[in-house]
PDB file of N, CA and C in Angstrom:
ATOM      1  N   MET A   1       0.804  -1.180  -0.015  1.00  0.00           N
ATOM      2  CA  MET A   1      -0.008   0.014   0.012  1.00  0.00           C
ATOM      3  C   MET A   1       0.849   1.263   0.015  1.00  0.00           C
ATOM      4  N   GLU A   2       1.907   1.264   0.808  1.00  0.00           N
ATOM      5  CA  GLU A   2       2.790   2.437   0.855  1.00  0.00           C
ATOM      6  C   GLU A   2       3.548   2.619  -0.437  1.00  0.00           C
ATOM      7  N   ILE A   3       3.936   1.545  -1.078  1.00  0.00           N
ATOM      8  CA  ILE A   3       4.654   1.643  -2.359  1.00  0.00           C
ATOM      9  C   ILE A   3       3.736   2.199  -3.417  1.00  0.00           C
ATOM     10  N   ALA A   4       2.485   1.811  -3.442  1.00  0.00           N
ATOM     11  CA  ALA A   4       1.537   2.371  -4.429  1.00  0.00           C
ATOM     12  C   ALA A   4       1.319   3.838  -4.182  1.00  0.00           C
ATOM     13  N   HIS A   5       1.236   4.245  -2.928  1.00  0.00           N
ATOM     14  CA  HIS A   5       1.066   5.705  -2.619  1.00  0.00           C
ATOM     15  C   HIS A   5       2.321   6.440  -3.049  1.00  0.00           C
ATOM     16  N   ALA A   6       3.471   5.901  -2.748  1.00  0.00           N
ATOM     17  CA  ALA A   6       4.753   6.612  -3.128  1.00  0.00           C
ATOM     18  C   ALA A   6       4.840   6.727  -4.661  1.00  0.00           C
ATOM     19  N   ALA A   7       4.476   5.679  -5.367  1.00  0.00           N
ATOM     20  CA  ALA A   7       4.513   5.744  -6.828  1.00  0.00           C
ATOM     21  C   ALA A   7       3.547   6.788  -7.353  1.00  0.00           C
ATOM     22  N   LYS A   8       2.375   6.901  -6.760  1.00  0.00           N
ATOM     23  CA  LYS A   8       1.381   7.875  -7.170  1.00  0.00           C
ATOM     24  C   LYS A   8       1.946   9.311  -6.944  1.00  0.00           C
ATOM     25  N   VAL A   9       2.599   9.532  -5.827  1.00  0.00           N
ATOM     26  CA  VAL A   9       3.159  10.848  -5.513  1.00  0.00           C
ATOM     27  C   VAL A   9       4.261  11.207  -6.524  1.00  0.00           C
ATOM     28  N   VAL A  10       5.086  10.236  -6.810  1.00  0.00           N
ATOM     29  CA  VAL A  10       6.172  10.462  -7.798  1.00  0.00           C
ATOM     30  C   VAL A  10       5.599  10.826  -9.164  1.00  0.00           C
ATOM     31  N   VAL A  11       4.604  10.143  -9.629  1.00  0.00           N
ATOM     32  CA  VAL A  11       3.962  10.391 -10.914  1.00  0.00           C
ATOM     33  C   VAL A  11       3.357  11.782 -10.917  1.00  0.00           C
ATOM     34  N   GLU A  12       2.652  12.136  -9.836  1.00  0.00           N
ATOM     35  CA  GLU A  12       2.015  13.458  -9.752  1.00  0.00           C
ATOM     36  C   GLU A  12       3.027  14.571  -9.783  1.00  0.00           C
ATOM     37  N   ARG A  13       4.086  14.398  -9.007  1.00  0.00           N
ATOM     38  CA  ARG A  13       5.111  15.423  -8.953  1.00  0.00           C
ATOM     39  C   ARG A  13       5.858  15.566 -10.279  1.00  0.00           C
ATOM     40  N   SER A  14       6.112  14.460 -10.936  1.00  0.00           N
ATOM     41  CA  SER A  14       6.822  14.537 -12.245  1.00  0.00           C
ATOM     42  C   SER A  14       5.944  15.215 -13.271  1.00  0.00           C
ATOM     43  N   PHE A  15       4.621  15.019 -13.183  1.00  0.00           N
ATOM     44  CA  PHE A  15       3.681  15.707 -14.066  1.00  0.00           C
ATOM     45  C   PHE A  15       3.722  17.182 -13.844  1.00  0.00           C
ATOM     46  N   VAL A  16       3.689  17.593 -12.587  1.00  0.00           N
ATOM     47  CA  VAL A  16       3.740  19.010 -12.226  1.00  0.00           C
ATOM     48  C   VAL A  16       5.040  19.624 -12.716  1.00  0.00           C
ATOM     49  N   ILE A  17       6.140  18.938 -12.511  1.00  0.00           N
ATOM     50  CA  ILE A  17       7.456  19.466 -12.975  1.00  0.00           C
ATOM     51  C   ILE A  17       7.446  19.604 -14.486  1.00  0.00           C
ATOM     52  N   LYS A  18       6.938  18.593 -15.163  1.00  0.00           N
ATOM     53  CA  LYS A  18       6.861  18.638 -16.649  1.00  0.00           C
ATOM     54  C   LYS A  18       6.040  19.814 -17.097  1.00  0.00           C
ATOM     55  N   GLU A  19       4.848  20.001 -16.461  1.00  0.00           N
ATOM     56  CA  GLU A  19       3.999  21.135 -16.850  1.00  0.00           C
ATOM     57  C   GLU A  19       4.708  22.481 -16.545  1.00  0.00           C
ATOM     58  N   TRP A  20       5.404  22.556 -15.442  1.00  0.00           N
ATOM     59  CA  TRP A  20       6.106  23.799 -15.124  1.00  0.00           C
ATOM     60  C   TRP A  20       7.188  24.098 -16.136  1.00  0.00           C
ATOM     61  N   LEU A  21       7.919  23.072 -16.526  1.00  0.00           N
ATOM     62  CA  LEU A  21       8.996  23.278 -17.545  1.00  0.00           C
ATOM     63  C   LEU A  21       8.407  23.664 -18.838  1.00  0.00           C
ATOM     64  N   MET A  22       7.242  23.122 -19.207  1.00  0.00           N
ATOM     65  CA  MET A  22       6.593  23.527 -20.452  1.00  0.00           C
ATOM     66  C   MET A  22       6.134  24.948 -20.366  1.00  0.00           C
ATOM     67  N   PHE A  23       5.626  25.385 -19.179  1.00  0.00           N
ATOM     68  CA  PHE A  23       5.236  26.760 -18.965  1.00  0.00           C
ATOM     69  C   PHE A  23       6.402  27.704 -19.122  1.00  0.00           C
ATOM     70  N   LEU A  24       7.536  27.330 -18.505  1.00  0.00           N
ATOM     71  CA  LEU A  24       8.739  28.152 -18.611  1.00  0.00           C
ATOM     72  C   LEU A  24       9.191  28.329 -20.052  1.00  0.00           C
ATOM     73  N   ALA A  25       9.154  27.221 -20.780  1.00  0.00           N
ATOM     74  CA  ALA A  25       9.567  27.309 -22.201  1.00  0.00           C
ATOM     75  C   ALA A  25       8.609  28.151 -22.986  1.00  0.00           C
ATOM     76  N   ALA A  26       7.308  28.022 -22.729  1.00  0.00           N
ATOM     77  CA  ALA A  26       6.298  28.741 -23.464  1.00  0.00           C
ATOM     78  C   ALA A  26       6.336  30.233 -23.216  1.00  0.00           C
ATOM     79  N   THR A  27       6.678  30.628 -21.999  1.00  0.00           N
ATOM     80  CA  THR A  27       6.662  32.047 -21.655  1.00  0.00           C
ATOM     81  C   THR A  27       8.005  32.716 -21.837  1.00  0.00           C
ATOM     82  N   GLY A  28       9.002  31.934 -22.159  1.00  0.00           N
ATOM     83  CA  GLY A  28      10.327  32.545 -22.375  1.00  0.00           C
ATOM     84  C   GLY A  28      11.157  32.687 -21.141  1.00  0.00           C
ATOM     85  N   LEU A  29      10.666  32.154 -20.012  1.00  0.00           N
ATOM     86  CA  LEU A  29      11.445  32.235 -18.773  1.00  0.00           C
ATOM     87  C   LEU A  29      12.707  31.462 -18.863  1.00  0.00           C
ATOM     88  N   SER A  30      12.766  30.500 -19.807  1.00  0.00           N
ATOM     89  CA  SER A  30      13.978  29.734 -19.988  1.00  0.00           C
ATOM     90  C   SER A  30      15.092  30.629 -20.520  1.00  0.00           C
ATOM     91  N   ALA A  31      14.753  31.787 -21.042  1.00  0.00           N
ATOM     92  CA  ALA A  31      15.744  32.733 -21.550  1.00  0.00           C
ATOM     93  C   ALA A  31      16.679  33.210 -20.422  1.00  0.00           C
ATOM     94  N   LEU A  32      16.234  33.076 -19.193  1.00  0.00           N
ATOM     95  CA  LEU A  32      17.095  33.496 -18.065  1.00  0.00           C
ATOM     96  C   LEU A  32      18.358  32.641 -18.011  1.00  0.00           C
ATOM     97  N   ALA A  33      18.308  31.498 -18.612  1.00  0.00           N
ATOM     98  CA  ALA A  33      19.474  30.643 -18.628  1.00  0.00           C
ATOM     99  C   ALA A  33      20.527  31.047 -19.675  1.00  0.00           C
ATOM    100  N   MET A  34      20.112  31.997 -20.558  1.00  0.00           N
ATOM    101  CA  MET A  34      21.041  32.473 -21.562  1.00  0.00           C
ATOM    102  C   MET A  34      22.069  33.395 -20.917  1.00  0.00           C
ATOM    103  N   PRO A  35      23.235  33.507 -21.569  1.00  0.00           N
ATOM    104  CA  PRO A  35      24.236  34.445 -21.049  1.00  0.00           C
ATOM    105  C   PRO A  35      23.693  35.877 -21.090  1.00  0.00           C
ATOM    106  N   ALA A  36      24.161  36.680 -20.151  1.00  0.00           N
ATOM    107  CA  ALA A  36      23.608  38.044 -20.049  1.00  0.00           C
ATOM    108  C   ALA A  36      23.806  38.859 -21.288  1.00  0.00           C
ATOM    109  N   HIS A  37      24.843  38.600 -22.047  1.00  0.00           N
ATOM    110  CA  HIS A  37      25.142  39.376 -23.241  1.00  0.00           C
ATOM    111  C   HIS A  37      24.359  38.911 -24.469  1.00  0.00           C
ATOM    112  N   HIS A  38      23.606  37.811 -24.363  1.00  0.00           N
ATOM    113  CA  HIS A  38      22.873  37.261 -25.494  1.00  0.00           C
ATOM    114  C   HIS A  38      21.762  38.229 -25.897  1.00  0.00           C
ATOM    115  N   PRO A  39      21.649  38.580 -27.185  1.00  0.00           N
ATOM    116  CA  PRO A  39      20.648  39.566 -27.584  1.00  0.00           C
ATOM    117  C   PRO A  39      19.194  39.102 -27.344  1.00  0.00           C
ATOM    118  N   LEU A  40      18.941  37.801 -27.435  1.00  0.00           N
ATOM    119  CA  LEU A  40      17.546  37.334 -27.244  1.00  0.00           C
ATOM    120  C   LEU A  40      17.146  37.418 -25.760  1.00  0.00           C
ATOM    121  N   ARG A  41      18.110  37.399 -24.853  1.00  0.00           N
ATOM    122  CA  ARG A  41      17.745  37.395 -23.444  1.00  0.00           C
ATOM    123  C   ARG A  41      17.047  38.722 -23.089  1.00  0.00           C
ATOM    124  N   ALA A  42      17.557  39.804 -23.590  1.00  0.00           N
ATOM    125  CA  ALA A  42      16.927  41.122 -23.278  1.00  0.00           C
ATOM    126  C   ALA A  42      15.500  41.180 -23.838  1.00  0.00           C
ATOM    127  N   GLN A  43      15.322  40.658 -25.029  1.00  0.00           N
ATOM    128  CA  GLN A  43      14.007  40.696 -25.635  1.00  0.00           C
ATOM    129  C   GLN A  43      13.010  39.803 -24.880  1.00  0.00           C
ATOM    130  N   THR A  44      13.479  38.626 -24.561  1.00  0.00           N
ATOM    131  CA  THR A  44      12.589  37.628 -23.918  1.00  0.00           C
ATOM    132  C   THR A  44      12.262  37.969 -22.494  1.00  0.00           C
ATOM    133  N   THR A  45      13.292  38.416 -21.728  1.00  0.00           N
ATOM    134  CA  THR A  45      13.025  38.679 -20.318  1.00  0.00           C
ATOM    135  C   THR A  45      12.166  39.894 -20.134  1.00  0.00           C
ATOM    136  N   ALA A  46      12.054  40.747 -21.131  1.00  0.00           N
ATOM    137  CA  ALA A  46      11.165  41.935 -21.021  1.00  0.00           C
ATOM    138  C   ALA A  46       9.706  41.486 -20.994  1.00  0.00           C
ATOM    139  N   SER A  47       9.410  40.320 -21.578  1.00  0.00           N
ATOM    140  CA  SER A  47       8.015  39.850 -21.650  1.00  0.00           C
ATOM    141  C   SER A  47       7.645  38.970 -20.462  1.00  0.00           C
ATOM    142  N   ILE A  48       8.554  38.732 -19.508  1.00  0.00           N
ATOM    143  CA  ILE A  48       8.251  37.865 -18.410  1.00  0.00           C
ATOM    144  C   ILE A  48       7.098  38.344 -17.514  1.00  0.00           C
ATOM    145  N   PRO A  49       7.083  39.630 -17.114  1.00  0.00           N
ATOM    146  CA  PRO A  49       5.951  40.073 -16.279  1.00  0.00           C
ATOM    147  C   PRO A  49       4.601  39.915 -16.984  1.00  0.00           C
ATOM    148  N   ALA A  50       4.540  40.228 -18.250  1.00  0.00           N
ATOM    149  CA  ALA A  50       3.284  40.065 -19.001  1.00  0.00           C
ATOM    150  C   ALA A  50       2.867  38.588 -19.082  1.00  0.00           C
ATOM    151  N   ALA A  51       3.815  37.741 -19.341  1.00  0.00           N
ATOM    152  CA  ALA A  51       3.510  36.298 -19.406  1.00  0.00           C
ATOM    153  C   ALA A  51       3.061  35.776 -18.054  1.00  0.00           C
ATOM    154  N   GLY A  52       3.710  36.227 -16.982  1.00  0.00           N
ATOM    155  CA  GLY A  52       3.314  35.799 -15.670  1.00  0.00           C
ATOM    156  C   GLY A  52       1.916  36.256 -15.322  1.00  0.00           C
ATOM    157  N   TYR A  53       1.576  37.468 -15.665  1.00  0.00           N
ATOM    158  CA  TYR A  53       0.255  38.022 -15.429  1.00  0.00           C
ATOM    159  C   TYR A  53      -0.804  37.217 -16.194  1.00  0.00           C
ATOM    160  N   ALA A  54      -0.506  36.904 -17.460  1.00  0.00           N
ATOM    161  CA  ALA A  54      -1.435  36.102 -18.294  1.00  0.00           C
ATOM    162  C   ALA A  54      -1.632  34.725 -17.677  1.00  0.00           C
ATOM    163  N   ALA A  55      -0.539  34.128 -17.241  1.00  0.00           N
ATOM    164  CA  ALA A  55      -0.619  32.770 -16.657  1.00  0.00           C
ATOM    165  C   ALA A  55      -1.445  32.812 -15.365  1.00  0.00           C
ATOM    166  N   PHE A  56      -1.304  33.865 -14.567  1.00  0.00           N
ATOM    167  CA  PHE A  56      -2.082  34.008 -13.356  1.00  0.00           C
ATOM    168  C   PHE A  56      -3.554  34.102 -13.691  1.00  0.00           C
ATOM    169  N   ASN A  57      -3.885  34.927 -14.703  1.00  0.00           N
ATOM    170  CA  ASN A  57      -5.289  35.049 -15.091  1.00  0.00           C
ATOM    171  C   ASN A  57      -5.880  33.777 -15.638  1.00  0.00           C
ATOM    172  N   LEU A  58      -5.059  33.000 -16.299  1.00  0.00           N
ATOM    173  CA  LEU A  58      -5.559  31.732 -16.845  1.00  0.00           C
ATOM    174  C   LEU A  58      -5.631  30.624 -15.784  1.00  0.00           C
ATOM    175  N   GLY A  59      -5.173  30.899 -14.599  1.00  0.00           N
ATOM    176  CA  GLY A  59      -5.264  29.947 -13.501  1.00  0.00           C
ATOM    177  C   GLY A  59      -4.107  28.984 -13.452  1.00  0.00           C
ATOM    178  N   LEU A  60      -3.044  29.276 -14.229  1.00  0.00           N
ATOM    179  CA  LEU A  60      -1.855  28.361 -14.242  1.00  0.00           C
ATOM    180  C   LEU A  60      -1.040  28.543 -13.000  1.00  0.00           C
ATOM    181  N   LEU A  61      -1.086  29.742 -12.430  1.00  0.00           N
ATOM    182  CA  LEU A  61      -0.388  30.013 -11.204  1.00  0.00           C
ATOM    183  C   LEU A  61      -1.416  30.419 -10.135  1.00  0.00           C
ATOM    184  N   SER A  62      -1.186  30.008  -8.917  1.00  0.00           N
ATOM    185  CA  SER A  62      -2.125  30.403  -7.893  1.00  0.00           C
ATOM    186  C   SER A  62      -1.440  31.018  -6.708  1.00  0.00           C
TER     187      SER A  62
END
């Protein structure tokens, strides 16, 4: 019984992590991993507050 519960928790958490990574990629937050001098970083990071606000309104963040 405990093994089944542990497996369920692992699956649920891995799904949440996968969804979070997909959200980061979709909103451009992954651009933060770019070097500071990279030209796309400045463009992409400027849209982070707007993307976060949109995600909050869609219920993706609580």
